[in-house]
Full PDB file with SEQRES, HELIX, SHEET, SSBOND, CRYST1, ORIGX, SCALE, CONECT and MASTER records, all heavy atoms in Angstrom:
SEQRES   1 A   35  ASN VAL ARG PRO PHE ALA VAL ASP ARG THR THR GLY SER          
SEQRES   2 A   35  ARG THR ALA ILE GLY ALA ALA GLN VAL THR ASP GLY ALA          
SEQRES   3 A   35  GLY ARG VAL ASP LEU ASP ILE THR GLY                          
SHEET    1 AA1 2 PHE A   5  VAL A   7  0                                        
SHEET    2 AA1 2 ARG A  14  ALA A  16 -1                                        
CRYST1    1.000    1.000    1.000  90.00  90.00  90.00 P 1           1          
ORIGX1      1.000000  0.000000  0.000000        0.00000                         
ORIGX2      0.000000  1.000000  0.000000        0.00000                         
ORIGX3      0.000000  0.000000  1.000000        0.00000                         
SCALE1      1.000000  0.000000  0.000000        0.00000                         
SCALE2      0.000000  1.000000  0.000000        0.00000                         
SCALE3      0.000000  0.000000  1.000000        0.00000                         
ATOM      1  N   ASN A   1     234.152 185.381 291.246  1.00  0.00           N  
ATOM      2  CA  ASN A   1     233.158 185.559 292.295  1.00  0.00           C  
ATOM      3  C   ASN A   1     232.912 187.056 292.505  1.00  0.00           C  
ATOM      4  O   ASN A   1     233.785 187.767 292.998  1.00  0.00           O  
ATOM      5  CB  ASN A   1     233.665 184.905 293.587  1.00  0.00           C  
ATOM      6  CG  ASN A   1     232.541 184.610 294.546  1.00  0.00           C  
ATOM      7  OD1 ASN A   1     231.382 184.863 294.264  1.00  0.00           O  
ATOM      8  ND2 ASN A   1     232.890 184.083 295.706  1.00  0.00           N  
ATOM      9  N   VAL A   2     231.734 187.556 292.129  1.00  0.00           N  
ATOM     10  CA  VAL A   2     231.436 188.986 292.225  1.00  0.00           C  
ATOM     11  C   VAL A   2     230.277 189.216 293.181  1.00  0.00           C  
ATOM     12  O   VAL A   2     229.398 188.364 293.355  1.00  0.00           O  
ATOM     13  CB  VAL A   2     231.101 189.573 290.838  1.00  0.00           C  
ATOM     14  CG1 VAL A   2     232.315 189.505 289.931  1.00  0.00           C  
ATOM     15  CG2 VAL A   2     229.932 188.867 290.197  1.00  0.00           C  
ATOM     16  N   ARG A   3     230.303 190.420 293.794  1.00  0.00           N  
ATOM     17  CA  ARG A   3     229.258 190.751 294.771  1.00  0.00           C  
ATOM     18  C   ARG A   3     228.854 192.208 294.601  1.00  0.00           C  
ATOM     19  O   ARG A   3     229.713 193.070 294.403  1.00  0.00           O  
ATOM     20  CB  ARG A   3     229.766 190.525 296.194  1.00  0.00           C  
ATOM     21  CG  ARG A   3     228.676 190.663 297.252  1.00  0.00           C  
ATOM     22  CD  ARG A   3     229.164 190.245 298.618  1.00  0.00           C  
ATOM     23  NE  ARG A   3     228.088 190.222 299.597  1.00  0.00           N  
ATOM     24  CZ  ARG A   3     228.236 189.921 300.870  1.00  0.00           C  
ATOM     25  NH1 ARG A   3     229.438 189.599 301.334  1.00  0.00           N  
ATOM     26  NH2 ARG A   3     227.202 189.913 301.692  1.00  0.00           N  
ATOM     27  N   PRO A   4     227.563 192.512 294.666  1.00  0.00           N  
ATOM     28  CA  PRO A   4     227.090 193.892 294.507  1.00  0.00           C  
ATOM     29  C   PRO A   4     227.021 194.632 295.841  1.00  0.00           C  
ATOM     30  O   PRO A   4     226.690 194.060 296.878  1.00  0.00           O  
ATOM     31  CB  PRO A   4     225.685 193.703 293.917  1.00  0.00           C  
ATOM     32  CG  PRO A   4     225.214 192.406 294.529  1.00  0.00           C  
ATOM     33  CD  PRO A   4     226.437 191.548 294.692  1.00  0.00           C  
ATOM     34  N   PHE A   5     227.332 195.931 295.799  1.00  0.00           N  
ATOM     35  CA  PHE A   5     227.262 196.802 296.967  1.00  0.00           C  
ATOM     36  C   PHE A   5     226.576 198.103 296.582  1.00  0.00           C  
ATOM     37  O   PHE A   5     226.682 198.566 295.446  1.00  0.00           O  
ATOM     38  CB  PHE A   5     228.660 197.135 297.491  1.00  0.00           C  
ATOM     39  CG  PHE A   5     229.388 195.984 298.122  1.00  0.00           C  
ATOM     40  CD1 PHE A   5     230.125 195.111 297.336  1.00  0.00           C  
ATOM     41  CD2 PHE A   5     229.353 195.774 299.490  1.00  0.00           C  
ATOM     42  CE1 PHE A   5     230.805 194.047 297.895  1.00  0.00           C  
ATOM     43  CE2 PHE A   5     230.037 194.716 300.058  1.00  0.00           C  
ATOM     44  CZ  PHE A   5     230.756 193.845 299.266  1.00  0.00           C  
ATOM     45  N   ALA A   6     225.898 198.692 297.549  1.00  0.00           N  
ATOM     46  CA  ALA A   6     225.475 200.081 297.424  1.00  0.00           C  
ATOM     47  C   ALA A   6     226.574 200.941 298.023  1.00  0.00           C  
ATOM     48  O   ALA A   6     227.233 200.535 298.990  1.00  0.00           O  
ATOM     49  CB  ALA A   6     224.163 200.309 298.165  1.00  0.00           C  
ATOM     50  N   VAL A   7     226.796 202.137 297.465  1.00  0.00           N  
ATOM     51  CA  VAL A   7     227.867 203.005 297.948  1.00  0.00           C  
ATOM     52  C   VAL A   7     227.289 204.355 298.351  1.00  0.00           C  
ATOM     53  O   VAL A   7     226.446 204.913 297.662  1.00  0.00           O  
ATOM     54  CB  VAL A   7     228.970 203.176 296.877  1.00  0.00           C  
ATOM     55  CG1 VAL A   7     228.412 203.772 295.609  1.00  0.00           C  
ATOM     56  CG2 VAL A   7     230.104 204.037 297.410  1.00  0.00           C  
ATOM     57  N   ASP A   8     227.751 204.839 299.490  1.00  0.00           N  
ATOM     58  CA  ASP A   8     227.415 206.180 299.950  1.00  0.00           C  
ATOM     59  C   ASP A   8     228.539 207.098 299.502  1.00  0.00           C  
ATOM     60  O   ASP A   8     229.654 207.022 300.030  1.00  0.00           O  
ATOM     61  CB  ASP A   8     227.269 206.201 301.481  1.00  0.00           C  
ATOM     62  CG  ASP A   8     226.812 207.552 302.002  1.00  0.00           C  
ATOM     63  OD1 ASP A   8     227.034 208.561 301.294  1.00  0.00           O  
ATOM     64  OD2 ASP A   8     226.259 207.614 303.109  1.00  0.00           O  
ATOM     65  N   ARG A   9     228.277 207.984 298.537  1.00  0.00           N  
ATOM     66  CA  ARG A   9     229.334 208.807 297.963  1.00  0.00           C  
ATOM     67  C   ARG A   9     229.877 209.829 298.965  1.00  0.00           C  
ATOM     68  O   ARG A   9     230.996 210.303 298.813  1.00  0.00           O  
ATOM     69  CB  ARG A   9     228.811 209.538 296.731  1.00  0.00           C  
ATOM     70  CG  ARG A   9     228.455 208.626 295.587  1.00  0.00           C  
ATOM     71  CD  ARG A   9     229.677 208.039 294.939  1.00  0.00           C  
ATOM     72  NE  ARG A   9     230.400 209.017 294.148  1.00  0.00           N  
ATOM     73  CZ  ARG A   9     231.481 208.765 293.433  1.00  0.00           C  
ATOM     74  NH1 ARG A   9     231.985 207.552 293.433  1.00  0.00           N  
ATOM     75  NH2 ARG A   9     232.073 209.709 292.750  1.00  0.00           N  
ATOM     76  N   THR A  10     229.118 210.161 299.974  1.00  0.00           N  
ATOM     77  CA  THR A  10     229.588 211.157 300.946  1.00  0.00           C  
ATOM     78  C   THR A  10     230.554 210.543 301.951  1.00  0.00           C  
ATOM     79  O   THR A  10     231.510 211.183 302.374  1.00  0.00           O  
ATOM     80  CB  THR A  10     228.400 211.783 301.690  1.00  0.00           C  
ATOM     81  OG1 THR A  10     227.659 210.747 302.362  1.00  0.00           O  
ATOM     82  CG2 THR A  10     227.483 212.500 300.703  1.00  0.00           C  
ATOM     83  N   THR A  11     230.334 209.296 302.321  1.00  0.00           N  
ATOM     84  CA  THR A  11     231.194 208.661 303.327  1.00  0.00           C  
ATOM     85  C   THR A  11     232.089 207.581 302.735  1.00  0.00           C  
ATOM     86  O   THR A  11     233.070 207.173 303.361  1.00  0.00           O  
ATOM     87  CB  THR A  11     230.338 208.028 304.435  1.00  0.00           C  
ATOM     88  OG1 THR A  11     229.548 206.970 303.860  1.00  0.00           O  
ATOM     89  CG2 THR A  11     229.416 209.062 305.075  1.00  0.00           C  
ATOM     90  N   GLY A  12     231.759 207.110 301.541  1.00  0.00           N  
ATOM     91  CA  GLY A  12     232.519 206.028 300.929  1.00  0.00           C  
ATOM     92  C   GLY A  12     232.170 204.655 301.470  1.00  0.00           C  
ATOM     93  O   GLY A  12     232.802 203.663 301.100  1.00  0.00           O  
ATOM     94  N   SER A  13     231.183 204.574 302.355  1.00  0.00           N  
ATOM     95  CA  SER A  13     230.820 203.288 302.945  1.00  0.00           C  
ATOM     96  C   SER A  13     230.027 202.439 301.953  1.00  0.00           C  
ATOM     97  O   SER A  13     229.332 202.950 301.083  1.00  0.00           O  
ATOM     98  CB  SER A  13     229.986 203.508 304.210  1.00  0.00           C  
ATOM     99  OG  SER A  13     228.783 204.185 303.893  1.00  0.00           O  
ATOM    100  N   ARG A  14     230.179 201.106 302.111  1.00  0.00           N  
ATOM    101  CA  ARG A  14     229.491 200.164 301.238  1.00  0.00           C  
ATOM    102  C   ARG A  14     228.478 199.358 302.043  1.00  0.00           C  
ATOM    103  O   ARG A  14     228.700 199.055 303.201  1.00  0.00           O  
ATOM    104  CB  ARG A  14     230.475 199.196 300.603  1.00  0.00           C  
ATOM    105  CG  ARG A  14     231.570 199.827 299.777  1.00  0.00           C  
ATOM    106  CD  ARG A  14     232.498 198.753 299.249  1.00  0.00           C  
ATOM    107  NE  ARG A  14     233.660 199.291 298.570  1.00  0.00           N  
ATOM    108  CZ  ARG A  14     234.627 198.558 298.049  1.00  0.00           C  
ATOM    109  NH1 ARG A  14     234.568 197.229 298.142  1.00  0.00           N  
ATOM    110  NH2 ARG A  14     235.655 199.122 297.454  1.00  0.00           N  
ATOM    111  N   THR A  15     227.413 198.992 301.370  1.00  0.00           N  
ATOM    112  CA  THR A  15     226.402 198.121 301.960  1.00  0.00           C  
ATOM    113  C   THR A  15     226.103 197.006 300.978  1.00  0.00           C  
ATOM    114  O   THR A  15     225.770 197.275 299.816  1.00  0.00           O  
ATOM    115  CB  THR A  15     225.105 198.891 302.273  1.00  0.00           C  
ATOM    116  OG1 THR A  15     225.399 199.990 303.130  1.00  0.00           O  
ATOM    117  CG2 THR A  15     224.087 197.967 302.922  1.00  0.00           C  
ATOM    118  N   ALA A  16     226.257 195.760 301.420  1.00  0.00           N  
ATOM    119  CA  ALA A  16     225.954 194.634 300.535  1.00  0.00           C  
ATOM    120  C   ALA A  16     224.472 194.657 300.178  1.00  0.00           C  
ATOM    121  O   ALA A  16     223.614 194.834 301.042  1.00  0.00           O  
ATOM    122  CB  ALA A  16     226.315 193.322 301.217  1.00  0.00           C  
ATOM    123  N   ILE A  17     224.162 194.482 298.900  1.00  0.00           N  
ATOM    124  CA  ILE A  17     222.766 194.528 298.451  1.00  0.00           C  
ATOM    125  C   ILE A  17     222.373 193.251 297.725  1.00  0.00           C  
ATOM    126  O   ILE A  17     221.346 193.197 297.052  1.00  0.00           O  
ATOM    127  CB  ILE A  17     222.533 195.740 297.518  1.00  0.00           C  
ATOM    128  CG1 ILE A  17     223.527 195.727 296.358  1.00  0.00           C  
ATOM    129  CG2 ILE A  17     222.619 197.043 298.298  1.00  0.00           C  
ATOM    130  CD1 ILE A  17     223.275 196.809 295.334  1.00  0.00           C  
ATOM    131  N   GLY A  18     223.200 192.229 297.872  1.00  0.00           N  
ATOM    132  CA  GLY A  18     222.882 190.956 297.250  1.00  0.00           C  
ATOM    133  C   GLY A  18     223.997 189.966 297.503  1.00  0.00           C  
ATOM    134  O   GLY A  18     225.107 190.341 297.898  1.00  0.00           O  
ATOM    135  N   ALA A  19     223.697 188.706 297.300  1.00  0.00           N  
ATOM    136  CA  ALA A  19     224.685 187.658 297.530  1.00  0.00           C  
ATOM    137  C   ALA A  19     225.684 187.601 296.385  1.00  0.00           C  
ATOM    138  O   ALA A  19     225.402 188.013 295.262  1.00  0.00           O  
ATOM    139  CB  ALA A  19     223.976 186.313 297.680  1.00  0.00           C  
ATOM    140  N   ALA A  20     226.873 187.089 296.683  1.00  0.00           N  
ATOM    141  CA  ALA A  20     227.901 186.914 295.656  1.00  0.00           C  
ATOM    142  C   ALA A  20     227.468 185.815 294.692  1.00  0.00           C  
ATOM    143  O   ALA A  20     226.818 184.840 295.074  1.00  0.00           O  
ATOM    144  CB  ALA A  20     229.234 186.578 296.297  1.00  0.00           C  
ATOM    145  N   GLN A  21     227.848 185.980 293.438  1.00  0.00           N  
ATOM    146  CA  GLN A  21     227.577 184.991 292.410  1.00  0.00           C  
ATOM    147  C   GLN A  21     228.847 184.787 291.580  1.00  0.00           C  
ATOM    148  O   GLN A  21     229.689 185.672 291.492  1.00  0.00           O  
ATOM    149  CB  GLN A  21     226.442 185.448 291.492  1.00  0.00           C  
ATOM    150  CG  GLN A  21     225.084 185.573 292.190  1.00  0.00           C  
ATOM    151  CD  GLN A  21     224.454 184.225 292.474  1.00  0.00           C  
ATOM    152  OE1 GLN A  21     224.832 183.220 291.868  1.00  0.00           O  
ATOM    153  NE2 GLN A  21     223.505 184.186 293.392  1.00  0.00           N  
ATOM    154  N   VAL A  22     228.966 183.620 290.967  1.00  0.00           N  
ATOM    155  CA  VAL A  22     230.143 183.292 290.158  1.00  0.00           C  
ATOM    156  C   VAL A  22     229.765 183.392 288.679  1.00  0.00           C  
ATOM    157  O   VAL A  22     228.707 182.907 288.270  1.00  0.00           O  
ATOM    158  CB  VAL A  22     230.661 181.878 290.490  1.00  0.00           C  
ATOM    159  CG1 VAL A  22     231.845 181.517 289.600  1.00  0.00           C  
ATOM    160  CG2 VAL A  22     231.054 181.785 291.956  1.00  0.00           C  
ATOM    161  N   THR A  23     230.630 184.027 287.887  1.00  0.00           N  
ATOM    162  CA  THR A  23     230.358 184.139 286.458  1.00  0.00           C  
ATOM    163  C   THR A  23     230.334 182.745 285.826  1.00  0.00           C  
ATOM    164  O   THR A  23     231.065 181.852 286.233  1.00  0.00           O  
ATOM    165  CB  THR A  23     231.422 185.000 285.757  1.00  0.00           C  
ATOM    166  OG1 THR A  23     232.716 184.436 285.993  1.00  0.00           O  
ATOM    167  CG2 THR A  23     231.398 186.424 286.272  1.00  0.00           C  
ATOM    168  N   ASP A  24     229.498 182.607 284.802  1.00  0.00           N  
ATOM    169  CA  ASP A  24     229.394 181.314 284.128  1.00  0.00           C  
ATOM    170  C   ASP A  24     230.558 181.133 283.149  1.00  0.00           C  
ATOM    171  O   ASP A  24     231.490 181.950 283.102  1.00  0.00           O  
ATOM    172  CB  ASP A  24     228.037 181.184 283.427  1.00  0.00           C  
ATOM    173  CG  ASP A  24     227.845 182.223 282.319  1.00  0.00           C  
ATOM    174  OD1 ASP A  24     228.842 182.836 281.882  1.00  0.00           O  
ATOM    175  OD2 ASP A  24     226.693 182.402 281.875  1.00  0.00           O  
ATOM    176  N   GLY A  25     230.498 180.078 282.351  1.00  0.00           N  
ATOM    177  CA  GLY A  25     231.590 179.785 281.427  1.00  0.00           C  
ATOM    178  C   GLY A  25     231.788 180.839 280.365  1.00  0.00           C  
ATOM    179  O   GLY A  25     232.848 180.912 279.745  1.00  0.00           O  
ATOM    180  N   ALA A  26     230.763 181.696 280.145  1.00  0.00           N  
ATOM    181  CA  ALA A  26     230.866 182.770 279.158  1.00  0.00           C  
ATOM    182  C   ALA A  26     231.164 184.110 279.808  1.00  0.00           C  
ATOM    183  O   ALA A  26     231.074 185.152 279.162  1.00  0.00           O  
ATOM    184  CB  ALA A  26     229.584 182.856 278.345  1.00  0.00           C  
ATOM    185  N   GLY A  27     231.505 184.091 281.112  1.00  0.00           N  
ATOM    186  CA  GLY A  27     231.856 185.328 281.803  1.00  0.00           C  
ATOM    187  C   GLY A  27     230.672 186.168 282.252  1.00  0.00           C  
ATOM    188  O   GLY A  27     230.847 187.292 282.726  1.00  0.00           O  
ATOM    189  N   ARG A  28     229.452 185.640 282.131  1.00  0.00           N  
ATOM    190  CA  ARG A  28     228.253 186.407 282.478  1.00  0.00           C  
ATOM    191  C   ARG A  28     227.801 186.099 283.905  1.00  0.00           C  
ATOM    192  O   ARG A  28     228.029 185.005 284.422  1.00  0.00           O  
ATOM    193  CB  ARG A  28     227.114 186.096 281.504  1.00  0.00           C  
ATOM    194  CG  ARG A  28     227.445 186.447 280.072  1.00  0.00           C  
ATOM    195  CD  ARG A  28     226.250 186.258 279.151  1.00  0.00           C  
ATOM    196  NE  ARG A  28     226.593 186.545 277.777  1.00  0.00           N  
ATOM    197  CZ  ARG A  28     226.642 187.772 277.249  1.00  0.00           C  
ATOM    198  NH1 ARG A  28     226.348 188.804 278.005  1.00  0.00           N  
ATOM    199  NH2 ARG A  28     226.977 187.956 275.987  1.00  0.00           N  
ATOM    200  N   VAL A  29     227.146 187.094 284.508  1.00  0.00           N  
ATOM    201  CA  VAL A  29     226.597 186.895 285.838  1.00  0.00           C  
ATOM    202  C   VAL A  29     225.333 187.736 285.974  1.00  0.00           C  
ATOM    203  O   VAL A  29     225.259 188.850 285.462  1.00  0.00           O  
ATOM    204  CB  VAL A  29     227.625 187.279 286.937  1.00  0.00           C  
ATOM    205  CG1 VAL A  29     227.963 188.762 286.884  1.00  0.00           C  
ATOM    206  CG2 VAL A  29     227.123 186.880 288.324  1.00  0.00           C  
ATOM    207  N   ASP A  30     224.309 187.176 286.592  1.00  0.00           N  
ATOM    208  CA  ASP A  30     223.071 187.882 286.927  1.00  0.00           C  
ATOM    209  C   ASP A  30     222.948 187.906 288.437  1.00  0.00           C  
ATOM    210  O   ASP A  30     222.905 186.855 289.081  1.00  0.00           O  
ATOM    211  CB  ASP A  30     221.853 187.184 286.317  1.00  0.00           C  
ATOM    212  CG  ASP A  30     221.775 187.356 284.807  1.00  0.00           C  
ATOM    213  OD1 ASP A  30     222.545 188.189 284.280  1.00  0.00           O  
ATOM    214  OD2 ASP A  30     220.958 186.665 284.168  1.00  0.00           O  
ATOM    215  N   LEU A  31     222.872 189.113 289.007  1.00  0.00           N  
ATOM    216  CA  LEU A  31     222.819 189.281 290.460  1.00  0.00           C  
ATOM    217  C   LEU A  31     221.435 189.762 290.875  1.00  0.00           C  
ATOM    218  O   LEU A  31     220.904 190.718 290.294  1.00  0.00           O  
ATOM    219  CB  LEU A  31     223.881 190.294 290.913  1.00  0.00           C  
ATOM    220  CG  LEU A  31     225.331 189.902 290.607  1.00  0.00           C  
ATOM    221  CD1 LEU A  31     226.242 191.097 290.749  1.00  0.00           C  
ATOM    222  CD2 LEU A  31     225.782 188.790 291.525  1.00  0.00           C  
ATOM    223  N   ASP A  32     220.867 189.118 291.867  1.00  0.00           N  
ATOM    224  CA  ASP A  32     219.581 189.554 292.413  1.00  0.00           C  
ATOM    225  C   ASP A  32     219.820 190.704 293.383  1.00  0.00           C  
ATOM    226  O   ASP A  32     220.547 190.563 294.374  1.00  0.00           O  
ATOM    227  CB  ASP A  32     218.889 188.397 293.137  1.00  0.00           C  
ATOM    228  CG  ASP A  32     218.492 187.286 292.177  1.00  0.00           C  
ATOM    229  OD1 ASP A  32     218.115 187.613 291.041  1.00  0.00           O  
ATOM    230  OD2 ASP A  32     218.585 186.104 292.555  1.00  0.00           O  
ATOM    231  N   ILE A  33     219.213 191.879 293.102  1.00  0.00           N  
ATOM    232  CA  ILE A  33     219.426 193.087 293.870  1.00  0.00           C  
ATOM    233  C   ILE A  33     218.125 193.485 294.561  1.00  0.00           C  
ATOM    234  O   ILE A  33     217.044 193.395 293.970  1.00  0.00           O  
ATOM    235  CB  ILE A  33     219.883 194.248 292.964  1.00  0.00           C  
ATOM    236  CG1 ILE A  33     221.124 193.848 292.173  1.00  0.00           C  
ATOM    237  CG2 ILE A  33     220.159 195.506 293.788  1.00  0.00           C  
ATOM    238  CD1 ILE A  33     222.327 193.535 293.010  1.00  0.00           C  
ATOM    239  N   THR A  34     218.237 193.961 295.810  1.00  0.00           N  
ATOM    240  CA  THR A  34     217.085 194.507 296.519  1.00  0.00           C  
ATOM    241  C   THR A  34     217.094 196.015 296.357  1.00  0.00           C  
ATOM    242  O   THR A  34     217.975 196.702 296.889  1.00  0.00           O  
ATOM    243  CB  THR A  34     217.123 194.146 298.014  1.00  0.00           C  
ATOM    244  OG1 THR A  34     217.194 192.735 298.126  1.00  0.00           O  
ATOM    245  CG2 THR A  34     215.892 194.670 298.734  1.00  0.00           C  
ATOM    246  N   GLY A  35     216.140 196.553 295.591  1.00  0.00           N  
ATOM    247  CA  GLY A  35     216.142 197.970 295.255  1.00  0.00           C  
ATOM    248  C   GLY A  35     216.041 198.891 296.446  1.00  0.00           C  
ATOM    249  O   GLY A  35     216.674 199.945 296.488  1.00  0.00           O  
TER     250      GLY A  35                                                      
MASTER        0    0    0    0    2    0    0    6  249    1    0    3          
END                                                                             
């Protein structure tokens, strides 16, 4: 179960930028990101 975050390098804070998704049987995952 993986989830994408945006990171602020100055503060180290994270912001979720998409929902968590589970890798398929081949270990692949496609995450929908809001640019």
